[in-house]
Protein backbone atom coordinates (compact mmCIF):
# COMPACT_ATOMS: atom_id res chain seq x y z
CA MET A 1 10.64 10.25 12.93
CA GLU A 2 7.31 9.84 11.22
CA ASP A 3 6.76 7.67 8.17
CA LEU A 4 6.87 9.72 4.94
CA PRO A 5 3.58 8.30 3.54
CA CYS A 6 1.76 9.07 6.80
CA LEU A 7 3.08 12.61 6.81
CA CYS A 8 2.01 13.14 3.19
CA VAL A 9 -1.52 12.05 4.05
CA ARG A 10 -1.72 14.26 7.12
CA VAL A 11 -0.54 17.42 5.40
CA GLY A 12 -2.79 16.88 2.38
CA GLN A 13 -0.08 16.00 -0.14
CA ALA A 14 -1.62 12.65 -1.10
CA ARG A 15 -4.81 12.11 -3.09
CA GLU A 16 -4.41 8.48 -4.12
CA ILE A 17 -2.57 5.85 -2.16
CA TYR A 18 -1.09 2.66 -3.58
CA ILE A 19 0.14 -0.01 -1.19
CA VAL A 20 2.97 -2.31 -2.23
CA VAL A 21 2.42 -5.74 -0.70
CA SER A 22 3.53 -9.34 -1.08
CA GLY A 23 1.72 -12.53 -0.15
CA GLU A 24 3.76 -12.96 3.01
CA MET A 25 1.76 -12.89 6.23
CA MET A 26 3.48 -9.87 7.79
CA ALA A 27 3.25 -7.86 4.56
CA MET A 28 -0.50 -8.52 4.38
CA TYR A 29 -0.86 -7.65 8.07
CA VAL A 30 0.94 -4.32 7.64
CA ALA A 31 -1.06 -3.52 4.50
CA ASN A 32 -4.29 -4.18 6.39
CA ASN A 33 -3.24 -1.87 9.24
CA THR A 34 -2.22 0.79 6.72
CA CYS A 35 -5.67 0.55 5.15
CA LYS A 36 -7.26 1.14 8.55
CA GLY A 37 -5.27 4.36 8.82
CA ILE A 38 -6.20 5.41 5.29
CA LEU A 39 -9.86 4.87 6.14
CA LYS A 40 -9.70 7.56 8.82
CA PHE A 41 -8.51 10.13 6.30
CA ALA A 42 -10.72 8.85 3.47
CA GLU A 43 -13.80 9.85 5.46
CA THR A 44 -12.90 13.48 4.75
CA GLY A 45 -13.15 12.75 1.03
CA ARG A 46 -9.64 14.00 0.27
CA ILE A 47 -7.84 10.69 -0.24
CA ARG A 48 -8.59 7.18 -1.37
CA LEU A 49 -6.94 3.79 -1.65
CA ALA A 50 -6.18 3.59 -5.36
CA GLY A 51 -5.09 -0.04 -5.27
CA LEU A 52 -2.52 -2.63 -4.34
CA ILE A 53 0.74 -3.40 -6.11
CA CYS A 54 2.11 -6.91 -5.73
CA ASN A 55 5.86 -7.17 -5.17
CA SER A 56 5.98 -10.93 -5.62
CA ARG A 57 7.98 -13.05 -3.21
CA LYS A 58 6.89 -16.27 -4.95
CA VAL A 59 4.43 -17.26 -2.23
CA ASN A 60 1.92 -19.97 -3.21
CA ASN A 61 -1.29 -18.41 -4.63
CA GLU A 62 0.17 -14.96 -3.98
CA ARG A 63 -1.58 -13.11 -6.78
CA GLU A 64 -4.96 -14.65 -5.94
CA MET A 65 -4.54 -13.82 -2.23
CA ILE A 66 -3.75 -10.19 -3.01
CA GLU A 67 -6.62 -9.92 -5.51
CA ASN A 68 -9.02 -11.28 -2.86
CA PHE A 69 -7.57 -8.94 -0.24
CA ALA A 70 -8.03 -5.98 -2.60
CA LYS A 71 -11.67 -6.96 -3.25
CA LYS A 72 -12.34 -7.09 0.49
CA LEU A 73 -10.91 -3.58 0.73
CA GLY A 74 -13.15 -2.39 -2.11
CA SER A 75 -10.11 -1.89 -4.31
CA GLN A 76 -8.14 -3.82 -6.91
CA LEU A 77 -4.71 -5.15 -7.76
CA GLN A 78 -3.19 -2.49 -10.00
CA ALA A 79 0.11 -4.13 -10.91
CA ALA A 80 2.32 -7.10 -10.10
CA PHE A 81 6.04 -7.59 -10.51
CA ALA A 82 8.73 -9.94 -9.27
CA LYS A 83 10.94 -9.03 -6.35
CA SER A 84 13.79 -6.95 -7.63
CA GLN A 85 17.21 -6.13 -6.32
CA ILE A 86 16.71 -2.53 -7.45
CA GLN A 87 15.98 -0.24 -4.53
CA VAL A 88 14.21 3.06 -4.91
CA GLN A 89 15.47 5.79 -2.63
CA ILE A 90 13.08 8.51 -1.54
CA PRO A 91 14.66 11.88 -0.86
CA ASN A 92 14.52 12.88 2.77
CA ILE A 93 12.15 15.86 2.61
CA LEU A 94 11.72 15.96 6.36
CA LYS A 95 15.08 17.60 7.04
């Protein structure tokens, strides 16, 4: 099954994309790969990376790392919050 965000981009449902990331290595790696995918669709002018949201995992210099990462992407850190036990459930619209 395809990722919901990817599907929304492909079918034209998304205009702005926010990536939630922490300062952990794998989270930054995945965010970077996601940005590469966004770039393909951004060339059409229909979507853009609106910014990063930091879901803090209390990594040393986390906020600064994400701010620098955002600058390298030509974007910015839009919000930051501490890791929460609250989970958001997205309805399964693919069924």
